[in-house]
Amino acid sequence: MRYLSDILNGLAFTELQGSADMEISAIVFDSRKVVPQSLFVAVRGTQSDGHDYIEQAIKQGAVAIVCGDLPAHVAGEVDFFMVANTAVALGILAANFYDNPSAKLKLVGVTGTNGKTTIATLLYKLFRDLGYKCGLLSTVENQINGEVVDATHTTPDPVELNMLLEEMVAKGCDYCFMEVSSHAIVQHRIEGLNFTGGIFSNLTHDHLDYHKTFDSYLKAKKTFFDGLPKNAFALTNIDDKNGMVMLQNTPAHKKTYGLKNMADYKAKIMENQFSGLLLNIDNEEVWFKLVGTFNAYNLVAVYATAMLLEQDKAKVLISLSKLTGARGRFEYVIAPNGVIGIVDYAHSPDAVQNILSTVHDVRKGKEKVITVLGCGGDRDKTKRPIMAKVACEWSDKVIFTSDNPRSEDPAQIIKDMESGVDPAFKRHTISIVDRREAIKTACILAQPGDIVVVAGKGHEKYQEIKGVKNHFDDIEELLAIFKLME
């Protein structure tokens, strides 16, 4: 229980009706989760408006309401606090309710289109290896010093987020590394958090179903850096054309990393093989277990962050050289006959090109590349033909299939993808709606030494069809097929 006056600290009100002199048992924005003595925050979401559920929240025991507009009729005694933006208020209220846990550890946010999960995961693994207690908030999973907590969104809602941070503080965590999605920024899910630093990976075509324009998507990412405090650091990829845009208005300390341009932290690729990367990083040659140019960027971003967090250079490089990446990110298995299977979460045109260009760079000879590719339903449709085009340009054969069709017809999604295929490439493509059959077909077509790339779902262990999540794991499918090939 916390006093409402403490929870409301820092909020600007447009109107007040009642007193803040009471104890609050919980802060909720979903009326179904209201318990006696709750503070209910009426948030206008993408699917529903919390103002429509104020009366229901009161009936279930809410004693105070934070809202944008007063309801016409209210039964029972309850206090109202009006604010300009309830989504912003929720973040501040949640932070206050949990006693501002982000200020009690060092919180580092990672944003960008690609690389967020790998960078956050590597930082988490690195700092644990260096002897610190850490938390991780990522697309793949949330962790509190080795204890796994399932992730439902790239960035949790403000209440869940602060609850997790409070638990990290209670368990003695020194650091937390988290992905910061563009949706979370726009929806104010990170409001009220105190960041020690922010990292920008890159920006490419994605989430335009939500943001509508690339400019809006860019501005969402930039907002994160604009909001960093002046004692934080803002680390950006100087090789990305939008990298320096992120730093334009940030009050934080500006730092850069890259492979091509002059940067505060720079690396050079010396060798790039399936077994790993040899990098000259900050004038030290180090062998890493990760593969590909995109991972070289991820590694130098992690190294730069460790330096900005005042860690020992030699210890950081030694530890980093031992680490593997996040599950479902360029994760590969080898069949008994030598066929290489690679699973990756690539679900944007740039991510698909990154994976396939990496395969092209590290293959030894004329091994064929067979790519299995799908696109998610109820998501940005404009990227479907572009992803298909990229896959065809970088593969010897492409099999179009289902990803998570959600409410859409998977056959129509595949038709959208096929529309981007140049006529010259059509004879090198096959369309198989059933993802399991598509993966199996790719493996059957592969000769010893060939490379089968299964893109789109990565770490996910389900396939969502018509609102139902059916168990499906690309790595499991590859392993099962490879076992039959023994």
Protein backbone atom coordinates (compact mmCIF):
# COMPACT_ATOMS: atom_id res chain seq x y z
CA MET A 1 0.00 0.00 0.00
CA ARG A 2 1.21 3.50 -0.85
CA TYR A 3 -0.30 6.92 -0.17
CA LEU A 4 -2.02 8.43 -3.18
CA SER A 5 -0.31 11.77 -2.55
CA ASP A 6 3.07 10.07 -3.13
CA ILE A 7 1.84 8.26 -6.25
CA LEU A 8 0.57 11.52 -7.78
CA ASN A 9 3.90 13.27 -7.27
CA GLY A 10 5.09 15.09 -10.39
CA LEU A 11 1.74 15.05 -12.23
CA ALA A 12 0.19 18.23 -13.60
CA PHE A 13 -3.60 18.29 -13.18
CA THR A 14 -6.23 20.11 -15.25
CA GLU A 15 -8.86 19.58 -12.55
CA LEU A 16 -9.23 17.90 -9.15
CA GLN A 17 -12.27 16.45 -7.39
CA GLY A 18 -11.42 14.95 -4.03
CA SER A 19 -8.46 14.36 -1.75
CA ALA A 20 -5.21 12.46 -2.20
CA ASP A 21 -5.16 11.49 1.48
CA MET A 22 -5.74 7.74 1.16
CA GLU A 23 -3.83 4.50 0.70
CA ILE A 24 -3.76 2.72 -2.66
CA SER A 25 -3.36 -1.04 -3.03
CA ALA A 26 -2.76 -1.22 -6.79
CA ILE A 27 -2.47 0.88 -9.91
CA VAL A 28 -4.40 -0.50 -12.90
CA PHE A 29 -5.51 0.60 -16.36
CA ASP A 30 -7.48 -2.57 -17.19
CA SER A 31 -10.83 -2.46 -15.36
CA ARG A 32 -10.88 -6.28 -15.19
CA LYS A 33 -7.84 -6.18 -12.90
CA VAL A 34 -9.27 -3.68 -10.41
CA VAL A 35 -9.13 -4.74 -6.74
CA PRO A 36 -10.38 -2.83 -3.67
CA GLN A 37 -8.48 0.42 -2.99
CA SER A 38 -7.19 0.59 -6.59
CA LEU A 39 -6.18 3.68 -8.52
CA PHE A 40 -7.70 3.30 -11.99
CA VAL A 41 -6.09 5.17 -14.91
CA ALA A 42 -8.42 5.63 -17.90
CA VAL A 43 -6.07 5.28 -20.89
CA ARG A 44 -7.21 5.76 -24.47
CA GLY A 45 -5.71 2.82 -26.32
CA THR A 46 -5.68 1.65 -29.93
CA GLN A 47 -8.50 -0.85 -29.33
CA SER A 48 -10.55 0.68 -26.51
CA ASP A 49 -10.94 3.75 -24.31
CA GLY A 50 -10.48 3.31 -20.57
CA HIS A 51 -12.95 6.15 -19.96
CA ASP A 52 -15.71 3.77 -21.03
CA TYR A 53 -14.86 1.49 -18.11
CA ILE A 54 -14.63 4.00 -15.25
CA GLU A 55 -18.01 2.99 -13.80
CA GLN A 56 -17.08 -0.70 -13.93
CA ALA A 57 -13.75 0.06 -12.19
CA ILE A 58 -15.58 1.89 -9.39
CA LYS A 59 -18.01 -1.00 -8.92
CA GLN A 60 -15.03 -3.35 -8.51
CA GLY A 61 -13.45 -1.21 -5.78
CA ALA A 62 -11.46 1.60 -7.39
CA VAL A 63 -11.30 4.57 -4.97
CA ALA A 64 -9.49 7.07 -7.20
CA ILE A 65 -9.60 7.73 -10.94
CA VAL A 66 -7.06 9.48 -13.17
CA CYS A 67 -8.75 10.50 -16.40
CA GLY A 68 -8.81 13.03 -19.21
CA ASP A 69 -12.54 13.75 -19.01
CA LEU A 70 -15.08 13.39 -16.20
CA PRO A 71 -17.78 10.78 -16.80
CA ALA A 72 -21.36 12.12 -17.00
CA HIS A 73 -22.69 9.94 -14.19
CA VAL A 74 -20.81 8.20 -11.39
CA ALA A 75 -22.26 6.11 -8.59
CA GLY A 76 -20.46 5.95 -5.24
CA GLU A 77 -17.79 8.03 -3.55
CA VAL A 78 -14.61 8.28 -5.56
CA ASP A 79 -11.91 10.91 -6.17
CA PHE A 80 -11.12 12.18 -9.67
CA PHE A 81 -7.85 13.64 -10.97
CA MET A 82 -7.92 15.05 -14.50
CA VAL A 83 -4.75 15.23 -16.62
CA ALA A 84 -3.98 16.22 -20.20
CA ASN A 85 -2.64 12.80 -21.23
CA THR A 86 -3.49 9.69 -19.22
CA ALA A 87 -0.95 7.49 -21.08
CA VAL A 88 1.85 9.82 -19.97
CA ALA A 89 0.36 9.92 -16.47
CA LEU A 90 0.28 6.12 -16.23
CA GLY A 91 4.04 5.86 -16.68
CA ILE A 92 4.73 8.47 -13.99
CA LEU A 93 2.16 6.94 -11.63
CA ALA A 94 3.52 3.42 -12.11
CA ALA A 95 7.08 4.60 -11.44
CA ASN A 96 5.95 6.40 -8.28
CA PHE A 97 3.86 3.44 -7.08
CA TYR A 98 6.88 1.13 -7.28
CA ASP A 99 9.15 3.79 -5.72
CA ASN A 100 10.98 4.71 -8.94
CA PRO A 101 13.05 1.52 -9.33
CA SER A 102 14.78 2.69 -12.55
CA ALA A 103 16.63 5.31 -10.48
CA LYS A 104 18.06 2.59 -8.22
CA LEU A 105 19.95 0.72 -10.95
CA LYS A 106 21.57 1.64 -14.26
CA LEU A 107 18.96 1.28 -17.00
CA VAL A 108 20.17 1.18 -20.62
CA GLY A 109 17.68 1.23 -23.51
CA VAL A 110 18.31 -0.10 -27.02
CA THR A 111 16.23 1.09 -29.96
CA GLY A 112 16.36 0.72 -33.75
CA THR A 113 14.84 -1.57 -36.37
CA ASN A 114 17.32 -4.46 -36.23
CA GLY A 115 19.80 -5.59 -33.59
CA LYS A 116 17.88 -4.53 -30.46
CA THR A 117 17.51 -8.05 -29.08
CA THR A 118 21.08 -9.10 -29.79
CA ILE A 119 22.60 -5.93 -28.32
CA ALA A 120 20.45 -6.07 -25.17
CA THR A 121 21.08 -9.81 -24.73
CA LEU A 122 24.83 -9.51 -25.24
CA LEU A 123 25.00 -6.65 -22.73
CA TYR A 124 23.08 -8.74 -20.21
CA LYS A 125 25.34 -11.76 -20.72
CA LEU A 126 28.49 -9.61 -20.69
CA PHE A 127 27.73 -7.81 -17.44
CA ARG A 128 26.70 -11.01 -15.70
CA ASP A 129 29.98 -12.56 -16.85
CA LEU A 130 31.76 -9.50 -15.42
CA GLY A 131 30.22 -10.32 -12.05
CA TYR A 132 27.21 -8.00 -11.89
CA LYS A 133 23.60 -8.87 -11.10
CA CYS A 134 21.50 -7.81 -14.09
CA GLY A 135 18.04 -7.69 -15.59
CA LEU A 136 17.03 -8.13 -19.25
CA LEU A 137 13.84 -6.92 -20.94
CA SER A 138 13.70 -8.22 -24.52
CA THR A 139 11.51 -9.61 -27.26
CA VAL A 140 12.77 -13.14 -26.62
CA GLU A 141 12.48 -13.15 -22.84
CA ASN A 142 12.76 -11.12 -19.68
CA GLN A 143 15.37 -12.23 -17.15
CA ILE A 144 16.20 -11.28 -13.60
CA ASN A 145 19.73 -12.46 -12.92
CA GLY A 146 19.23 -15.82 -14.63
CA GLU A 147 15.56 -16.29 -13.76
CA VAL A 148 13.42 -16.27 -16.91
CA VAL A 149 10.21 -14.25 -17.02
CA ASP A 150 8.15 -14.69 -20.21
CA ALA A 151 7.97 -11.66 -22.51
CA THR A 152 4.65 -10.69 -24.14
CA HIS A 153 5.73 -7.41 -25.79
CA THR A 154 9.06 -5.92 -26.84
CA THR A 155 8.47 -3.35 -24.09
CA PRO A 156 5.96 -4.24 -21.32
CA ASP A 157 3.22 -1.83 -20.20
CA PRO A 158 4.30 0.78 -17.59
CA VAL A 159 2.85 -1.10 -14.62
CA GLU A 160 4.45 -4.43 -15.55
CA LEU A 161 7.67 -2.67 -16.49
CA ASN A 162 8.05 -0.92 -13.15
CA MET A 163 7.01 -4.06 -11.30
CA LEU A 164 9.80 -5.99 -13.05
CA LEU A 165 12.30 -3.22 -12.35
CA GLU A 166 11.29 -3.19 -8.68
CA GLU A 167 11.87 -6.95 -8.51
CA MET A 168 15.30 -6.48 -10.10
CA VAL A 169 16.18 -3.87 -7.48
CA ALA A 170 14.91 -6.14 -4.69
CA LYS A 171 17.17 -8.94 -5.99
CA GLY A 172 20.20 -6.67 -6.03
CA CYS A 173 20.54 -5.97 -9.75
CA ASP A 174 23.08 -3.31 -10.68
CA TYR A 175 22.02 -3.00 -14.32
CA CYS A 176 19.03 -3.56 -16.58
CA PHE A 177 19.29 -3.72 -20.36
CA MET A 178 16.05 -3.33 -22.29
CA GLU A 179 14.74 -3.10 -25.82
CA VAL A 180 12.77 0.08 -26.47
CA SER A 181 10.31 -0.34 -29.35
CA SER A 182 8.84 2.51 -31.38
CA HIS A 183 5.36 1.43 -30.27
CA ALA A 184 6.40 1.73 -26.63
CA ILE A 185 7.82 5.21 -27.19
CA VAL A 186 4.70 6.51 -28.94
CA GLN A 187 2.40 4.85 -26.40
CA HIS A 188 4.41 6.40 -23.51
CA ARG A 189 5.23 3.01 -21.99
CA ILE A 190 8.69 4.26 -20.96
CA GLU A 191 7.38 7.48 -19.40
CA GLY A 192 8.73 8.08 -15.91
CA LEU A 193 11.80 5.87 -16.35
CA ASN A 194 15.31 7.11 -15.57
CA PHE A 195 17.72 5.95 -18.28
CA THR A 196 21.49 5.85 -17.78
CA GLY A 197 21.99 5.53 -21.53
CA GLY A 198 20.40 4.91 -24.90
CA ILE A 199 21.72 2.99 -27.93
CA PHE A 200 20.59 3.36 -31.55
CA SER A 201 21.26 0.42 -33.91
CA ASN A 202 19.76 1.37 -37.30
CA LEU A 203 16.55 2.41 -38.99
CA THR A 204 14.93 0.65 -41.93
CA HIS A 205 11.48 -0.01 -43.41
CA ASP A 206 9.25 -1.50 -40.68
CA HIS A 207 6.05 -0.95 -38.66
CA LEU A 208 4.54 1.42 -41.22
CA ASP A 209 1.17 -0.24 -40.59
CA TYR A 210 1.30 1.52 -37.22
CA HIS A 211 3.36 4.66 -37.84
CA LYS A 212 1.96 5.22 -41.38
CA THR A 213 5.06 7.07 -42.63
CA PHE A 214 8.79 6.51 -42.33
CA ASP A 215 9.17 10.03 -40.96
CA SER A 216 6.77 9.24 -38.10
CA TYR A 217 8.70 6.04 -37.40
CA LEU A 218 11.97 7.99 -37.31
CA LYS A 219 10.52 10.65 -35.02
CA ALA A 220 9.29 7.96 -32.62
CA LYS A 221 12.83 6.62 -32.24
CA LYS A 222 14.27 10.12 -31.94
CA THR A 223 11.82 10.95 -29.13
CA PHE A 224 13.58 8.39 -26.94
CA PHE A 225 16.91 10.22 -27.31
CA ASP A 226 15.29 13.64 -26.93
CA GLY A 227 14.02 12.51 -23.53
CA LEU A 228 17.31 11.22 -22.12
CA PRO A 229 18.66 13.18 -19.13
CA LYS A 230 21.81 15.27 -19.51
CA ASN A 231 23.84 12.93 -17.28
CA ALA A 232 23.05 9.93 -19.55
CA PHE A 233 24.87 8.83 -22.71
CA ALA A 234 23.37 8.64 -26.21
CA LEU A 235 25.25 6.14 -28.40
CA THR A 236 24.46 6.00 -32.12
CA ASN A 237 25.51 4.04 -35.20
CA ILE A 238 27.30 6.70 -37.25
CA ASP A 239 27.21 4.51 -40.39
CA ASP A 240 23.39 4.57 -40.48
CA LYS A 241 22.09 7.53 -42.48
CA ASN A 242 19.72 8.40 -39.63
CA GLY A 243 22.24 7.78 -36.87
CA MET A 244 23.19 11.39 -36.23
CA VAL A 245 19.55 12.52 -36.52
CA MET A 246 18.93 10.68 -33.26
CA LEU A 247 21.42 12.90 -31.46
CA GLN A 248 20.26 16.27 -32.81
CA ASN A 249 18.27 17.38 -29.77
CA THR A 250 19.38 15.06 -27.01
CA PRO A 251 20.78 16.66 -23.84
CA ALA A 252 22.73 13.44 -23.15
CA HIS A 253 26.45 12.91 -23.84
CA LYS A 254 26.75 12.12 -27.57
CA LYS A 255 28.88 9.17 -28.64
CA THR A 256 29.22 7.20 -31.91
CA TYR A 257 30.24 3.74 -33.09
CA GLY A 258 30.71 2.21 -36.54
CA LEU A 259 32.70 0.20 -39.05
CA LYS A 260 33.08 2.66 -41.92
CA ASN A 261 33.14 6.26 -40.73
CA MET A 262 35.21 7.99 -38.09
CA ALA A 263 33.65 7.16 -34.72
CA ASP A 264 34.37 7.28 -31.00
CA TYR A 265 34.33 3.47 -31.03
CA LYS A 266 35.32 1.76 -34.27
CA ALA A 267 35.79 -1.81 -35.47
CA LYS A 268 37.10 -3.38 -38.67
CA ILE A 269 36.22 -6.84 -39.96
CA MET A 270 39.37 -8.91 -40.52
CA GLU A 271 37.68 -12.29 -41.12
CA ASN A 272 34.04 -13.33 -41.50
CA GLN A 273 33.25 -17.06 -41.38
CA PHE A 274 30.46 -19.39 -40.25
CA SER A 275 32.60 -20.11 -37.21
CA GLY A 276 32.76 -16.44 -36.23
CA LEU A 277 34.25 -12.97 -36.74
CA LEU A 278 37.76 -11.63 -36.36
CA LEU A 279 37.47 -7.93 -35.53
CA ASN A 280 39.97 -5.20 -34.92
CA ILE A 281 38.07 -3.38 -32.24
CA ASP A 282 39.59 -0.32 -30.61
CA ASN A 283 43.01 -1.45 -31.97
CA GLU A 284 42.71 -4.95 -30.52
CA GLU A 285 42.21 -8.06 -32.71
CA VAL A 286 39.64 -10.36 -31.12
CA TRP A 287 37.82 -13.47 -32.36
CA PHE A 288 34.07 -13.53 -31.67
CA LYS A 289 31.57 -16.38 -31.98
CA LEU A 290 28.97 -14.29 -33.79
CA VAL A 291 28.77 -14.13 -37.59
CA GLY A 292 28.23 -11.36 -40.14
CA THR A 293 28.62 -7.64 -40.65
CA PHE A 294 25.40 -6.89 -38.77
CA ASN A 295 26.82 -8.69 -35.75
CA ALA A 296 30.05 -6.71 -36.04
CA TYR A 297 27.89 -3.62 -35.51
CA ASN A 298 26.12 -5.27 -32.59
CA LEU A 299 29.44 -6.20 -30.98
CA VAL A 300 30.99 -2.76 -31.29
CA ALA A 301 27.78 -1.22 -29.87
CA VAL A 302 28.03 -3.53 -26.86
CA TYR A 303 31.74 -2.82 -26.44
CA ALA A 304 31.14 0.95 -26.64
CA THR A 305 28.38 0.72 -24.05
CA ALA A 306 30.62 -1.22 -21.67
CA MET A 307 33.30 1.46 -22.04
CA LEU A 308 30.74 4.20 -21.38
CA LEU A 309 29.73 2.29 -18.26
CA GLU A 310 33.40 2.42 -17.19
CA GLN A 311 34.24 -1.27 -17.47
CA ASP A 312 37.75 -2.68 -17.95
CA LYS A 313 38.62 -2.95 -21.65
CA ALA A 314 40.58 -6.23 -21.47
CA LYS A 315 37.96 -7.98 -19.33
CA VAL A 316 35.17 -6.81 -21.64
CA LEU A 317 36.87 -8.09 -24.81
CA ILE A 318 37.75 -11.44 -23.23
CA SER A 319 34.18 -11.92 -22.02
CA LEU A 320 32.60 -10.77 -25.29
CA SER A 321 34.74 -13.23 -27.26
CA LYS A 322 33.08 -16.12 -25.40
CA LEU A 323 29.46 -15.06 -25.84
CA THR A 324 26.78 -16.28 -28.24
CA GLY A 325 23.85 -14.17 -29.41
CA ALA A 326 20.12 -14.29 -28.73
CA ARG A 327 18.02 -17.33 -29.64
CA GLY A 328 16.65 -17.24 -33.19
CA ARG A 329 19.19 -14.68 -34.38
CA PHE A 330 21.38 -16.33 -37.05
CA GLU A 331 21.04 -19.59 -35.13
CA TYR A 332 22.33 -22.48 -37.19
CA VAL A 333 22.36 -26.28 -37.14
CA ILE A 334 24.15 -28.72 -39.45
CA ALA A 335 22.60 -31.89 -40.89
CA PRO A 336 24.54 -35.17 -41.02
CA ASN A 337 24.92 -34.72 -44.80
CA GLY A 338 26.43 -31.24 -44.35
CA VAL A 339 23.36 -29.13 -45.16
CA ILE A 340 23.44 -25.98 -43.02
CA GLY A 341 20.15 -24.71 -41.60
CA ILE A 342 19.92 -21.10 -40.38
CA VAL A 343 16.98 -19.65 -38.45
CA ASP A 344 16.61 -15.90 -38.09
CA TYR A 345 13.96 -13.44 -36.92
CA ALA A 346 14.43 -11.30 -40.05
CA HIS A 347 11.01 -9.77 -40.78
CA SER A 348 11.87 -6.57 -42.63
CA PRO A 349 13.51 -6.07 -46.07
CA ASP A 350 16.76 -4.81 -44.56
CA ALA A 351 16.93 -7.66 -42.04
CA VAL A 352 16.37 -10.25 -44.80
CA GLN A 353 19.13 -8.66 -46.86
CA ASN A 354 21.47 -8.58 -43.84
CA ILE A 355 21.05 -12.30 -43.22
CA LEU A 356 21.32 -13.37 -46.85
CA SER A 357 24.25 -11.08 -47.64
CA THR A 358 26.02 -12.51 -44.59
CA VAL A 359 25.43 -16.05 -45.87
CA HIS A 360 26.76 -14.93 -49.26
CA ASP A 361 29.88 -13.45 -47.68
CA VAL A 362 30.78 -16.44 -45.53
CA ARG A 363 29.96 -19.37 -47.79
CA LYS A 364 33.11 -21.03 -49.10
CA GLY A 365 32.25 -21.78 -52.70
CA LYS A 366 29.19 -22.37 -54.87
CA GLU A 367 26.88 -23.76 -52.21
CA LYS A 368 23.27 -22.96 -53.05
CA VAL A 369 21.15 -20.80 -50.77
CA ILE A 370 17.52 -21.88 -50.36
CA THR A 371 15.40 -19.39 -48.44
CA VAL A 372 12.07 -20.08 -46.73
CA LEU A 373 10.26 -16.78 -46.21
CA GLY A 374 6.89 -15.62 -44.93
CA CYS A 375 5.36 -12.30 -43.88
CA GLY A 376 3.17 -11.67 -40.85
CA GLY A 377 -0.55 -10.99 -41.17
CA ASP A 378 -2.22 -7.85 -39.81
CA ARG A 379 1.08 -6.01 -40.19
CA ASP A 380 2.70 -3.62 -42.69
CA LYS A 381 1.63 -4.94 -46.11
CA THR A 382 3.91 -2.63 -48.08
CA LYS A 383 7.04 -4.53 -47.08
CA ARG A 384 5.80 -7.92 -48.37
CA PRO A 385 6.75 -7.52 -52.06
CA ILE A 386 10.03 -5.82 -51.06
CA MET A 387 11.02 -8.69 -48.76
CA ALA A 388 10.20 -11.20 -51.50
CA LYS A 389 12.26 -9.23 -54.04
CA VAL A 390 15.26 -9.07 -51.69
CA ALA A 391 15.03 -12.81 -50.93
CA CYS A 392 15.02 -13.65 -54.66
CA GLU A 393 17.99 -11.40 -55.39
CA TRP A 394 20.12 -13.04 -52.69
CA SER A 395 19.00 -16.70 -52.99
CA ASP A 396 19.25 -19.51 -55.53
CA LYS A 397 15.74 -20.64 -54.67
CA VAL A 398 12.99 -19.10 -52.52
CA ILE A 399 10.00 -20.84 -50.96
CA PHE A 400 7.20 -18.45 -49.96
CA THR A 401 5.14 -19.68 -47.02
CA SER A 402 3.16 -18.65 -43.95
CA ASP A 403 4.65 -16.74 -41.04
CA ASN A 404 2.02 -15.72 -38.47
CA PRO A 405 -0.98 -15.08 -40.74
CA ARG A 406 -3.09 -14.01 -37.75
CA SER A 407 -6.53 -12.99 -39.09
CA GLU A 408 -5.44 -12.82 -42.74
CA ASP A 409 -5.63 -15.47 -45.46
CA PRO A 410 -2.06 -16.87 -45.74
CA ALA A 411 -2.55 -17.52 -49.47
CA GLN A 412 -3.30 -13.81 -50.01
CA ILE A 413 -0.21 -12.81 -48.02
CA ILE A 414 1.87 -15.01 -50.32
CA LYS A 415 0.26 -13.36 -53.37
CA ASP A 416 1.26 -9.97 -51.96
CA MET A 417 4.83 -11.24 -51.69
CA GLU A 418 4.82 -12.73 -55.19
CA SER A 419 3.85 -9.35 -56.65
CA GLY A 420 7.35 -8.10 -55.89
CA VAL A 421 9.15 -10.88 -57.75
CA ASP A 422 10.84 -9.94 -61.01
CA PRO A 423 9.71 -12.27 -63.86
CA ALA A 424 13.31 -13.44 -64.27
CA PHE A 425 13.24 -14.88 -60.74
CA LYS A 426 9.79 -16.51 -60.83
CA ARG A 427 11.08 -19.88 -61.99
CA HIS A 428 13.29 -19.97 -58.89
CA THR A 429 10.36 -19.61 -56.49
CA ILE A 430 7.84 -22.03 -54.98
CA SER A 431 4.82 -21.18 -52.86
CA ILE A 432 3.79 -23.60 -50.11
CA VAL A 433 1.28 -22.30 -47.57
CA ASP A 434 2.06 -24.91 -44.90
CA ARG A 435 5.26 -23.73 -43.15
CA ARG A 436 6.28 -27.22 -42.03
CA GLU A 437 6.03 -28.53 -45.58
CA ALA A 438 7.91 -25.49 -46.88
CA ILE A 439 10.85 -26.12 -44.52
CA LYS A 440 10.80 -29.83 -45.33
CA THR A 441 10.81 -29.11 -49.09
CA ALA A 442 13.77 -26.73 -48.73
CA CYS A 443 15.75 -29.42 -46.90
CA ILE A 444 14.89 -32.06 -49.53
CA LEU A 445 16.01 -29.74 -52.32
CA ALA A 446 19.31 -28.98 -50.56
CA GLN A 447 22.45 -30.86 -51.51
CA PRO A 448 25.36 -31.50 -49.09
CA GLY A 449 26.92 -28.15 -48.21
CA ASP A 450 23.91 -26.09 -49.30
CA ILE A 451 22.42 -23.53 -46.93
CA VAL A 452 18.74 -23.44 -45.94
CA VAL A 453 17.70 -20.09 -44.45
CA VAL A 454 14.39 -20.06 -42.56
CA ALA A 455 13.51 -16.40 -41.98
CA GLY A 456 10.83 -14.49 -40.15
CA LYS A 457 9.97 -16.23 -36.87
CA GLY A 458 13.33 -16.75 -35.21
CA HIS A 459 12.89 -17.41 -31.48
CA GLU A 460 9.08 -17.73 -31.63
CA LYS A 461 7.67 -21.06 -30.54
CA TYR A 462 4.23 -20.63 -32.03
CA GLN A 463 2.38 -19.84 -35.25
CA GLU A 464 -0.65 -17.59 -34.83
CA ILE A 465 -3.58 -18.52 -37.08
CA LYS A 466 -7.08 -17.03 -36.66
CA GLY A 467 -6.40 -15.97 -33.07
CA VAL A 468 -4.94 -19.33 -32.02
CA LYS A 469 -1.25 -19.77 -31.19
CA ASN A 470 -0.22 -23.25 -32.33
CA HIS A 471 3.14 -24.65 -31.21
CA PHE A 472 5.71 -24.19 -33.96
CA ASP A 473 9.46 -23.78 -33.62
CA ASP A 474 11.62 -23.36 -36.75
CA ILE A 475 14.72 -24.79 -35.05
CA GLU A 476 12.74 -27.83 -33.85
CA GLU A 477 11.41 -28.36 -37.38
CA LEU A 478 14.90 -28.23 -38.90
CA LEU A 479 16.32 -30.62 -36.31
CA ALA A 480 13.46 -33.08 -36.82
CA ILE A 481 13.93 -33.05 -40.60
CA PHE A 482 17.71 -33.36 -40.29
CA LYS A 483 17.24 -36.37 -37.99
CA LEU A 484 15.20 -38.10 -40.69
CA MET A 485 18.04 -37.42 -43.14
CA GLU A 486 20.60 -39.37 -41.05
